[in-house]
Protein backbone atom coordinates (compact mmCIF):
# COMPACT_ATOMS: atom_id res chain seq x y z
CA MET A 1 13.36 -7.74 1.27
CA SER A 2 16.15 -5.84 2.36
CA GLN A 3 18.02 -7.85 4.87
CA LEU A 4 17.70 -6.32 8.29
CA SER A 5 19.97 -4.00 9.27
CA ASP A 6 23.14 -4.46 11.56
CA ASP A 7 22.40 -1.19 13.59
CA PRO A 8 18.73 0.29 12.32
CA ALA A 9 18.26 4.20 12.73
CA SER A 10 14.75 2.06 14.30
CA THR A 11 13.44 -0.96 14.64
CA ILE A 12 9.45 -3.28 14.76
CA CYS A 13 8.13 -4.01 17.97
CA VAL A 14 5.82 -7.39 17.16
CA SER A 15 2.87 -7.40 19.66
CA ILE A 16 2.43 -11.00 20.66
CA GLY A 17 -1.52 -11.25 22.38
CA ARG A 18 -2.09 -14.58 23.10
CA GLY A 19 -4.93 -16.51 25.83
CA ARG A 20 -2.01 -18.66 26.68
CA HIS A 21 1.29 -18.70 28.58
CA LYS A 22 3.10 -21.21 26.09
CA HIS A 23 1.10 -19.40 22.78
CA MET A 24 3.07 -16.56 23.30
CA ARG A 25 5.98 -18.04 24.70
CA ALA A 26 6.70 -19.94 21.17
CA GLU A 27 5.03 -16.82 19.44
CA HIS A 28 7.86 -14.72 21.24
CA GLN A 29 10.93 -17.33 20.13
CA HIS A 30 9.35 -17.48 16.45
CA LEU A 31 9.80 -14.20 16.32
CA ALA A 32 13.48 -13.72 17.07
CA GLU A 33 15.01 -16.96 15.71
CA ASN A 34 13.28 -14.71 11.96
CA GLY A 35 14.74 -11.46 13.38
CA ALA A 36 12.56 -10.09 15.35
CA ARG A 37 14.60 -6.76 18.04
CA LEU A 38 11.91 -6.23 19.80
CA VAL A 39 8.19 -8.12 20.90
CA GLU A 40 5.93 -6.57 23.38
CA LEU A 41 4.13 -9.08 25.50
CA ARG A 42 0.00 -8.01 25.94
CA LEU A 43 -0.64 -9.69 29.26
CA ASP A 44 -3.93 -8.98 28.84
CA TYR A 45 -4.73 -11.45 27.16
CA ILE A 46 -3.22 -13.82 29.35
CA ARG A 47 -6.71 -16.01 30.02
CA ARG A 48 -5.48 -17.10 33.83
CA ALA A 49 -3.36 -15.70 36.37
CA VAL A 50 0.10 -14.46 34.61
CA THR A 51 3.43 -16.33 35.20
CA LEU A 52 5.56 -13.46 34.48
CA LYS A 53 8.75 -15.66 35.33
CA ARG A 54 7.56 -18.06 32.53
CA LEU A 55 7.64 -15.56 29.96
CA LEU A 56 10.44 -13.89 30.61
CA ARG A 57 12.24 -16.81 31.35
CA ASN A 58 14.94 -17.35 28.31
CA ARG A 59 13.98 -14.70 26.09
CA GLN A 60 15.95 -14.60 23.38
CA CYS A 61 14.74 -10.65 22.82
CA PRO A 62 13.59 -7.66 24.48
CA VAL A 63 10.39 -7.09 25.84
CA VAL A 64 7.91 -4.50 26.68
CA ALA A 65 5.20 -5.22 29.22
CA THR A 66 2.48 -3.84 28.38
CA CYS A 67 -1.43 -4.88 30.25
CA ARG A 68 -4.46 -2.72 28.51
CA ARG A 69 -7.69 -1.46 29.59
CA PRO A 70 -10.90 -2.57 27.64
CA GLN A 71 -10.74 1.49 27.02
CA ASP A 72 -7.07 1.52 25.97
CA GLY A 73 -8.04 -1.64 23.45
CA GLY A 74 -6.94 -3.82 26.10
CA LYS A 75 -8.68 -6.85 26.92
CA TRP A 76 -7.61 -6.80 30.61
CA SER A 77 -10.96 -7.72 32.63
CA GLY A 78 -8.98 -7.74 36.50
CA THR A 79 -9.14 -4.64 38.63
CA GLU A 80 -6.93 -1.62 38.28
CA ALA A 81 -4.96 -2.89 40.99
CA GLU A 82 -4.47 -6.19 40.12
CA ARG A 83 -3.56 -4.62 36.84
CA VAL A 84 -0.90 -1.95 38.61
CA ILE A 85 0.50 -4.87 40.60
CA LEU A 86 1.23 -7.21 37.46
CA LEU A 87 2.70 -4.24 35.98
CA ARG A 88 5.00 -3.55 38.90
CA ALA A 89 5.98 -6.87 39.05
CA ALA A 90 7.05 -6.83 35.28
CA ILE A 91 9.81 -4.15 36.66
CA VAL A 92 10.45 -6.31 39.16
CA GLU A 93 10.95 -9.37 37.17
CA GLY A 94 12.74 -6.81 35.44
CA VAL A 95 11.62 -6.64 32.14
CA ASP A 96 13.26 -4.03 29.14
CA TYR A 97 10.76 -1.46 28.85
CA VAL A 98 6.80 -0.83 30.63
CA ASP A 99 3.88 0.60 28.88
CA LEU A 100 2.45 2.82 31.20
CA GLU A 101 -0.57 4.75 31.06
CA GLU A 102 -0.58 8.19 32.30
CA GLU A 103 -3.49 7.63 34.65
CA ILE A 104 -1.35 5.27 36.32
CA ALA A 105 2.46 6.47 35.66
CA ASP A 106 2.77 7.77 39.03
CA ASP A 107 1.93 5.00 40.20
CA ILE A 108 4.66 2.72 39.56
CA PRO A 109 7.77 3.75 40.12
CA ARG A 110 10.73 3.89 38.54
CA TYR A 111 13.41 0.53 39.21
CA GLY A 112 16.21 -1.09 37.66
CA ASP A 113 16.72 -0.72 34.18
CA THR A 114 12.76 -1.16 32.84
CA ARG A 115 12.80 1.97 30.18
CA ARG A 116 9.77 3.70 30.93
CA ILE A 117 7.24 4.69 27.83
CA ILE A 118 4.27 6.45 29.02
CA SER A 119 1.66 6.06 26.49
CA MET A 120 -2.19 7.64 25.28
CA HIS A 121 -4.60 5.92 22.86
CA ASP A 122 -7.58 7.44 20.95
CA PHE A 123 -9.93 5.33 19.51
CA ASP A 124 -12.08 8.44 17.90
CA GLU A 125 -9.83 10.82 16.13
CA THR A 126 -6.13 12.66 16.18
CA PRO A 127 -6.94 15.33 18.49
CA GLU A 128 -5.92 18.56 18.15
CA ASN A 129 -4.35 19.12 21.58
CA LEU A 130 -0.96 16.92 20.21
CA GLU A 131 1.96 18.53 21.91
CA GLU A 132 -0.13 19.48 25.01
CA ILE A 133 -0.65 15.92 25.39
CA HIS A 134 2.95 14.80 24.78
CA ALA A 135 4.18 17.39 27.06
CA ARG A 136 1.94 15.88 29.79
CA LEU A 137 3.05 12.65 28.91
CA ALA A 138 6.49 13.75 28.96
CA SER A 139 6.09 14.74 32.55
CA LYS A 140 6.08 11.25 33.81
CA ASP A 141 9.30 10.27 33.76
CA ALA A 142 9.16 9.02 30.63
CA ASP A 143 12.20 7.47 28.65
CA ILE A 144 9.61 7.05 25.26
CA VAL A 145 6.41 8.53 24.48
CA LYS A 146 3.86 6.44 23.11
CA ILE A 147 0.85 7.96 20.90
CA ALA A 148 -1.46 6.61 18.81
CA CYS A 149 -4.92 7.79 17.47
CA MET A 150 -7.10 6.88 15.29
CA ALA A 151 -6.43 8.37 11.39
CA ASN A 152 -9.85 10.56 10.50
CA SER A 153 -8.18 12.18 7.03
CA PRO A 154 -4.25 11.86 5.98
CA HIS A 155 -3.51 14.98 7.44
CA ASP A 156 -3.30 12.96 10.75
CA VAL A 157 -1.18 11.28 9.26
CA THR A 158 1.82 14.18 8.38
CA ARG A 159 0.62 16.41 11.77
CA ILE A 160 1.69 12.77 13.95
CA LEU A 161 4.60 12.12 12.29
CA ASN A 162 5.63 16.28 12.74
CA LEU A 163 5.47 15.13 16.30
CA ILE A 164 7.85 13.05 16.14
CA GLU A 165 10.15 14.75 14.52
CA LYS A 166 10.02 17.67 16.75
CA SER A 167 10.05 16.05 20.01
CA ASP A 168 13.09 16.13 21.96
CA ILE A 169 12.36 12.75 23.84
CA PRO A 170 12.02 10.08 21.65
CA THR A 171 8.55 9.08 20.76
CA VAL A 172 6.57 6.79 19.08
CA GLY A 173 3.42 8.17 17.56
CA ILE A 174 0.87 6.37 15.51
CA CYS A 175 -1.68 7.00 13.94
CA MET A 176 -4.61 3.69 13.35
CA GLY A 177 -6.77 2.74 10.72
CA ASP A 178 -5.83 2.19 7.32
CA ILE A 179 -6.25 6.22 7.00
CA GLY A 180 -2.91 6.07 9.21
CA MET A 181 -1.32 3.17 7.97
CA PRO A 182 1.83 4.93 6.27
CA SER A 183 2.78 6.06 9.48
CA ARG A 184 3.95 3.30 10.90
CA ILE A 185 5.94 2.55 7.96
CA LEU A 186 7.54 6.28 8.12
CA ALA A 187 7.74 6.09 11.73
CA GLY A 188 11.35 5.45 12.21
CA LYS A 189 11.98 8.14 8.86
CA PHE A 190 11.07 10.95 11.26
CA GLY A 191 12.77 9.19 14.19
CA ALA A 192 10.66 7.44 16.57
CA PRO A 193 12.56 4.68 17.73
CA PHE A 194 10.48 1.53 16.54
CA SER A 195 7.00 1.46 15.53
CA PHE A 196 4.80 -1.31 16.06
CA ALA A 197 3.27 -4.50 13.94
CA THR A 198 1.61 -7.92 14.95
CA PHE A 199 3.24 -11.19 14.92
CA HIS A 200 0.85 -12.69 11.40
CA HIS A 201 -1.37 -10.03 8.82
CA GLU A 202 -5.27 -11.59 10.56
CA ARG A 203 -4.46 -11.46 14.17
CA THR A 204 -4.45 -7.44 14.04
CA ILE A 205 -4.42 -5.95 17.51
CA ALA A 206 -4.78 -2.30 16.30
CA PRO A 207 -6.64 -1.10 13.11
CA GLY A 208 -4.51 -0.73 10.73
CA GLN A 209 -1.35 -2.85 12.25
CA LEU A 210 0.78 -4.77 9.59
CA SER A 211 2.58 -7.83 10.24
CA PHE A 212 6.20 -7.93 10.63
CA GLU A 213 6.36 -10.00 7.34
CA ASP A 214 4.77 -6.62 5.91
CA MET A 215 6.55 -4.72 7.63
CA THR A 216 10.15 -6.35 6.56
CA GLU A 217 9.64 -7.84 3.90
CA ILE A 218 7.84 -5.38 1.74
CA TYR A 219 8.50 -2.06 3.17
CA GLY A 220 12.01 -3.15 4.62
CA TYR A 221 11.39 -1.34 7.98
CA GLU A 222 14.19 -1.39 9.55
CA THR A 223 15.95 0.03 6.41
CA ILE A 224 14.30 3.62 6.27
CA ASP A 225 15.91 5.98 7.77
CA VAL A 226 15.73 9.63 7.50
CA ASP A 227 17.15 10.11 3.85
CA THR A 228 15.09 7.58 2.86
CA GLU A 229 12.84 9.12 -0.11
CA VAL A 230 9.05 7.85 0.07
CA PHE A 231 6.88 7.14 -2.73
CA GLY A 232 3.39 5.92 -2.90
CA VAL A 233 -0.46 5.27 -4.12
CA ILE A 234 -2.93 7.33 -3.86
CA ALA A 235 -6.45 5.62 -4.11
CA ASP A 236 -9.75 5.18 -2.22
CA PRO A 237 -9.57 2.45 -1.63
CA VAL A 238 -6.08 0.66 -1.79
CA GLY A 239 -5.47 -1.50 -0.05
CA HIS A 240 -6.04 -3.58 -2.96
CA SER A 241 -3.51 -2.25 -4.80
CA LEU A 242 -0.21 -4.01 -5.62
CA SER A 243 2.01 -1.17 -6.40
CA PRO A 244 3.92 -0.93 -3.52
CA VAL A 245 5.49 -4.88 -3.83
CA ILE A 246 5.85 -4.19 -7.21
CA HIS A 247 8.02 -1.55 -7.05
CA ASN A 248 9.39 -1.96 -3.19
CA ALA A 249 11.23 -4.96 -4.56
CA GLY A 250 12.68 -2.89 -7.83
CA PHE A 251 14.22 -0.17 -5.31
CA ASP A 252 14.94 -3.19 -3.28
CA HIS A 253 16.73 -5.49 -6.45
CA LEU A 254 18.81 -1.82 -7.53
CA ASN A 255 19.88 -1.34 -3.41
CA MET A 256 18.38 1.82 -3.85
CA ASN A 257 16.99 4.08 -0.08
CA ARG A 258 13.52 4.57 -1.66
CA VAL A 259 10.17 3.75 -0.38
CA TYR A 260 7.09 2.99 -1.82
CA LEU A 261 3.47 2.87 0.60
CA PRO A 262 -0.10 2.85 -0.37
CA PHE A 263 -2.23 5.88 0.52
CA ARG A 264 -5.44 5.82 1.10
CA VAL A 265 -6.77 9.64 0.37
CA PRO A 266 -10.54 10.18 0.68
CA LYS A 267 -11.84 12.37 -2.82
CA ASP A 268 -12.15 15.40 -0.66
CA HIS A 269 -8.64 15.07 1.06
CA LEU A 270 -6.69 15.13 -2.29
CA ASN A 271 -5.64 18.92 -2.32
CA GLN A 272 -4.49 18.63 1.62
CA PHE A 273 -2.48 15.80 0.57
CA ILE A 274 -0.74 17.06 -2.61
CA ASP A 275 0.11 20.46 -0.26
CA ASP A 276 1.23 17.91 2.36
CA ALA A 277 3.48 15.49 0.04
CA PRO A 278 7.04 17.04 0.42
CA VAL A 279 6.80 17.59 4.20
CA LEU A 280 6.68 14.01 4.06
CA GLY A 281 9.60 13.42 1.99
CA ILE A 282 7.42 11.76 -1.17
CA SER A 283 9.28 12.71 -4.33
CA GLY A 284 6.62 10.59 -6.62
CA LEU A 285 3.29 9.43 -6.86
CA SER A 286 0.86 6.33 -9.03
CA VAL A 287 -2.30 7.65 -9.38
CA THR A 288 -5.49 5.69 -9.39
CA ILE A 289 -9.10 5.69 -8.49
CA PRO A 290 -10.91 7.94 -8.16
CA HIS A 291 -8.18 10.63 -8.58
CA LYS A 292 -7.08 10.82 -12.06
CA GLN A 293 -9.13 13.25 -13.03
CA GLU A 294 -9.28 15.53 -10.05
CA VAL A 295 -5.60 15.60 -9.18
CA MET A 296 -5.07 17.54 -12.21
CA ALA A 297 -5.95 19.95 -11.20
CA SER A 298 -2.95 20.66 -8.58
CA LEU A 299 -0.35 20.34 -11.10
CA THR A 300 1.96 22.84 -12.52
CA LYS A 301 2.18 20.47 -15.77
CA ILE A 302 0.79 18.02 -17.54
CA GLU A 303 2.42 16.12 -20.54
CA SER A 304 0.82 16.28 -24.17
CA GLY A 305 -0.41 12.27 -23.46
CA ALA A 306 -1.80 12.69 -20.17
CA ARG A 307 -3.47 15.47 -21.07
CA LYS A 308 -4.86 13.83 -24.28
CA ILE A 309 -6.22 11.45 -22.03
CA GLY A 310 -7.74 13.63 -19.64
CA ALA A 311 -6.46 11.46 -16.86
CA VAL A 312 -2.98 11.48 -14.78
CA ASN A 313 -1.74 8.31 -13.16
CA THR A 314 1.62 8.94 -12.32
CA VAL A 315 3.25 12.79 -9.98
CA ILE A 316 6.54 13.53 -9.90
CA PHE A 317 7.07 16.31 -7.41
CA ASP A 318 10.37 17.90 -8.90
CA GLY A 319 11.38 21.33 -6.70
CA ASP A 320 9.11 23.52 -7.19
CA GLU A 321 6.50 21.77 -9.98
CA ILE A 322 4.35 19.49 -9.68
CA VAL A 323 4.29 17.11 -13.32
CA GLY A 324 1.30 15.19 -14.73
CA TYR A 325 2.05 11.66 -16.65
CA ASN A 326 0.10 8.74 -18.07
CA THR A 327 2.31 5.62 -18.19
CA ASP A 328 -0.67 4.07 -18.52
CA LEU A 329 -1.43 4.85 -22.57
CA TYR A 330 3.12 3.72 -22.69
CA GLY A 331 2.60 0.80 -20.80
CA ALA A 332 -0.81 -0.82 -22.88
CA MET A 333 0.92 0.28 -26.53
CA VAL A 334 4.13 -1.89 -25.74
CA SER A 335 2.23 -4.65 -24.79
CA LEU A 336 -0.11 -5.11 -28.07
CA ALA A 337 3.26 -3.80 -30.61
CA GLU A 338 5.22 -6.93 -28.87
CA ALA A 339 2.50 -9.11 -29.53
CA ALA A 340 2.24 -7.70 -33.09
CA GLU A 341 5.56 -7.38 -33.54
CA ALA A 342 5.63 -3.53 -34.53
CA ASP A 343 7.04 -0.62 -33.33
CA PRO A 344 5.01 0.96 -30.92
CA ASP A 345 6.22 4.25 -31.94
CA GLU A 346 5.07 3.84 -36.02
CA LYS A 347 1.14 3.94 -37.26
CA TRP A 348 1.54 0.18 -36.85
CA LEU A 349 -2.57 -0.43 -36.73
CA ARG A 350 -3.39 1.73 -39.91
CA GLY A 351 -6.11 -0.17 -41.31
CA LYS A 352 -7.22 -2.00 -38.97
CA LYS A 353 -10.35 -2.64 -37.14
CA VAL A 354 -10.32 -1.77 -32.59
CA LEU A 355 -12.89 -2.84 -30.74
CA LEU A 356 -13.27 -1.62 -26.89
CA LEU A 357 -15.17 -3.32 -24.68
CA GLY A 358 -16.29 -0.56 -21.91
CA ALA A 359 -15.62 3.76 -22.02
CA GLY A 360 -13.52 4.32 -18.77
CA GLY A 361 -10.91 5.84 -17.65
CA VAL A 362 -8.27 2.61 -18.93
CA ALA A 363 -10.61 2.75 -22.33
CA ARG A 364 -9.96 6.18 -22.98
CA ALA A 365 -6.07 6.00 -22.12
CA ILE A 366 -5.83 2.47 -24.25
CA GLY A 367 -8.24 4.64 -27.43
CA VAL A 368 -6.16 7.53 -27.50
CA GLY A 369 -3.11 5.33 -28.49
CA VAL A 370 -4.22 3.27 -30.84
CA LYS A 371 -6.16 6.38 -32.64
CA ASP A 372 -3.00 7.66 -32.55
CA ARG A 373 -1.40 4.68 -34.24
CA GLY A 374 -3.84 4.44 -37.24
CA ALA A 375 -6.99 1.94 -35.51
CA GLU A 376 -10.04 2.73 -36.96
CA LEU A 377 -11.77 2.28 -33.57
CA PHE A 378 -14.86 1.24 -32.87
CA VAL A 379 -16.28 1.70 -28.87
CA THR A 380 -18.92 -0.68 -27.00
CA SER A 381 -19.51 -0.98 -23.13
CA ARG A 382 -23.37 -1.77 -21.21
CA THR A 383 -24.43 1.80 -21.46
CA TYR A 384 -24.29 3.11 -24.94
CA GLU A 385 -24.57 6.52 -24.14
CA LYS A 386 -21.33 6.41 -22.60
CA SER A 387 -19.69 4.33 -25.48
CA VAL A 388 -21.13 7.49 -27.95
CA GLU A 389 -19.69 10.12 -25.39
CA LEU A 390 -15.73 8.37 -25.05
CA ALA A 391 -15.86 6.99 -29.83
CA THR A 392 -17.60 11.08 -30.14
CA LYS A 393 -13.92 12.51 -28.35
CA LEU A 394 -11.85 9.72 -29.91
CA GLU A 395 -13.78 9.96 -33.13
CA GLY A 396 -14.22 6.22 -33.56
CA GLU A 397 -17.37 4.55 -33.69
CA ALA A 398 -19.69 3.41 -30.70
CA ILE A 399 -21.97 0.05 -31.38
CA LEU A 400 -24.49 -1.64 -29.23
CA TRP A 401 -22.84 -4.23 -26.73
CA GLU A 402 -24.82 -6.85 -28.44
CA GLU A 403 -23.51 -6.66 -32.09
CA ARG A 404 -20.01 -6.39 -30.52
CA HIS A 405 -19.30 -10.51 -31.70
CA SER A 406 -20.38 -9.09 -35.51
CA ALA A 407 -17.62 -6.23 -35.57
CA ASN A 408 -15.24 -7.91 -37.30
CA ALA A 409 -11.98 -6.52 -35.06
CA ASP A 410 -8.48 -7.21 -35.67
CA VAL A 411 -7.75 -6.21 -32.24
CA LEU A 412 -10.26 -6.91 -28.94
CA VAL A 413 -9.39 -5.41 -26.39
CA ASN A 414 -11.35 -5.83 -22.90
CA CYS A 415 -11.15 -2.32 -20.32
CA THR A 416 -14.35 -4.42 -18.64
CA PRO A 417 -14.42 -5.58 -15.05
CA VAL A 418 -15.48 -9.08 -16.29
CA GLY A 419 -13.79 -12.01 -15.53
CA MET A 420 -11.39 -10.82 -12.86
CA HIS A 421 -11.51 -12.85 -9.69
CA PRO A 422 -13.46 -13.98 -8.42
CA ASN A 423 -15.71 -13.68 -10.67
CA VAL A 424 -13.20 -16.02 -13.10
CA ASN A 425 -15.53 -18.01 -14.94
CA ASP A 426 -16.74 -14.82 -16.97
CA THR A 427 -16.35 -13.38 -19.84
CA PRO A 428 -17.26 -9.89 -21.75
CA PHE A 429 -16.72 -11.83 -25.60
CA GLU A 430 -18.24 -15.13 -26.50
CA GLU A 431 -15.57 -17.33 -28.37
CA ALA A 432 -17.65 -16.99 -31.61
CA GLY A 433 -16.66 -13.43 -32.15
CA PHE A 434 -12.40 -14.46 -32.57
CA THR A 435 -11.02 -15.08 -35.68
CA ARG A 436 -7.51 -16.72 -36.69
CA ASP A 437 -4.29 -14.28 -35.71
CA MET A 438 -6.73 -11.21 -33.88
CA ILE A 439 -5.14 -9.32 -31.38
CA VAL A 440 -7.00 -10.03 -28.21
CA PHE A 441 -5.81 -7.71 -24.43
CA ASP A 442 -7.30 -8.36 -21.83
CA THR A 443 -6.31 -5.78 -19.30
CA ILE A 444 -7.75 -7.84 -16.37
CA TYR A 445 -4.57 -8.63 -14.73
CA ASN A 446 -6.49 -10.83 -11.21
CA PRO A 447 -6.12 -13.30 -12.73
CA GLU A 448 -3.96 -13.62 -15.63
CA GLN A 449 -5.12 -15.67 -17.43
CA THR A 450 -8.91 -15.02 -17.65
CA LEU A 451 -11.70 -17.24 -19.39
CA LEU A 452 -11.30 -14.45 -22.43
CA ILE A 453 -7.28 -15.28 -22.44
CA LYS A 454 -8.23 -18.68 -22.53
CA GLN A 455 -10.16 -18.92 -25.02
CA ALA A 456 -8.38 -16.96 -27.82
CA ARG A 457 -5.66 -18.81 -26.98
CA ASN A 458 -7.59 -22.04 -27.58
CA HIS A 459 -8.67 -20.07 -31.22
CA GLU A 460 -4.48 -19.39 -31.97
CA CYS A 461 -4.95 -15.55 -31.62
CA ARG A 462 -2.16 -13.47 -30.45
CA ILE A 463 -3.00 -12.24 -26.43
CA VAL A 464 -1.89 -9.56 -24.41
CA THR A 465 -2.69 -10.00 -20.42
CA GLY A 466 -3.40 -7.37 -18.10
CA VAL A 467 -0.19 -8.30 -16.19
CA GLU A 468 1.96 -6.69 -19.44
CA MET A 469 0.01 -3.61 -19.23
CA PHE A 470 0.18 -3.55 -15.44
CA VAL A 471 4.17 -4.59 -15.88
CA ARG A 472 5.00 -2.40 -18.42
CA GLN A 473 3.38 0.83 -16.82
CA ALA A 474 5.02 0.15 -13.74
CA GLU A 475 7.65 0.01 -15.43
CA LEU A 476 7.80 3.85 -16.51
CA GLN A 477 6.96 5.08 -13.14
CA PHE A 478 10.11 3.38 -12.13
CA LYS A 479 11.89 5.57 -14.58
CA LEU A 480 10.09 8.45 -13.59
CA PHE A 481 10.45 7.86 -10.42
CA SER A 482 14.18 6.68 -9.96
CA GLY A 483 16.20 8.00 -13.32
CA GLU A 484 16.47 4.29 -13.87
CA GLU A 485 15.43 1.72 -15.63
CA ALA A 486 13.24 -0.82 -14.17
CA PRO A 487 14.60 -4.20 -13.36
CA LEU A 488 11.00 -5.79 -15.91
CA ASP A 489 11.69 -9.30 -15.33
CA MET A 490 12.54 -9.54 -11.53
CA MET A 491 9.02 -7.18 -11.42
CA ARG A 492 7.35 -8.91 -14.24
CA GLU A 493 7.50 -12.47 -11.86
CA THR A 494 7.12 -10.49 -8.29
CA PHE A 495 3.89 -9.42 -9.37
CA ARG A 496 2.57 -12.89 -11.10
CA ARG A 497 4.17 -14.31 -7.78
CA THR A 498 2.08 -11.66 -5.49
CA ILE A 499 -1.04 -12.84 -7.61
CA SER A 500 -0.93 -15.93 -7.68
CA SER A 501 -0.62 -16.53 -3.76
CA ALA A 502 -3.21 -13.63 -3.27
CA ASN A 503 -6.53 -16.13 -4.73
CA TYR A 504 -5.28 -18.62 -1.61
């Protein structure tokens, strides 16, 4: 993503936890060569007597020395007296920072130029008395206070970031776990001197920790400052979302001071999150399962298409207004019209039969769009009652799942997950049902070339992939977020590259 800033507001401290000295040194060197400005050497991971001179000799960037007890998430197996001696020795060797828990801070006096990080870890919760804990840690001759707590709600993230912002002493505040992950990316915006990352995404040292590569390449951590506008996607779960990759790539391409994050928001925390959004600096959100309907109650305005569909997938915070949109409709209709070489705003489907496979939220959005463009609509799903319900709402006709191949549709739209990775050999529609020049639209984007799409192409059907719909809906979201036209080709290529690499 963005090049590392020469003088970032906040930097990334990369934690290295390896069992052998040579592996720790090798990772330290590799990270420094790839732009890391600060590394944490987890001395508790070394499986033999620690030789500090070997670890610190000819270091290429500053170092935090840490030796963590098991109750603080570490691997130290020696005595507490031995741990104190090791940390004192690290200070004597001239480490740039030393991380000390509150309990031992008084036993390890300041010496030389080593800066003192006084830390506390809570792997169960984010305590209610954060300010009291912070004051206690700060009183231990701290240069920096570090508090790392488990997030059990998105509001915990707001609380920890507020603590960072209001603190007189430099503070690193982290909410652990997947709910807390946004705190790691937004820490610098709120004034933290650094945030933590791991060397590789498969070797996390703390829950919710991101890799140095992701923090740099996807989120551009060291370009984030107090003026950075925040956007994101809310869902539960949210870890699978590729929206951060595509939107951050777009922001970076246009040199915008914006960042887009994944926010895991459980259903019963949605209202609190919407209330907290302005405090976090959030200007806009993508909305997906399970919040597309529920979020509507928190909005002050809903555009007509979203209201008609009964679902919102985009929220814009505009002063006192919270406005909802549905860009799935736009993405699907533009993609379909391009395949037919038609004007997406005209009634180009008049006299055409459209068959929807599936009766969920995506089917409803596409059903509204095709009906508005004059289509004769048919709905089928494995649950006939759901097909009837959706068909009735859209003034279409429900048909039995077993009869889908005899519908003689001009346009077939798969809104089911059948054929999604890893079940790539499945298809919701047999080849015998294809006719030449039928338009076949699969809303699945991973993989892009589903079995349905491959077979439709073999029968000379016109095809629309889920990648095109996803990118097109993101295009409109980007315009709503930024007021600028999206770099569509770049976003499409970034998205394709990401889903391709994610499968291997």
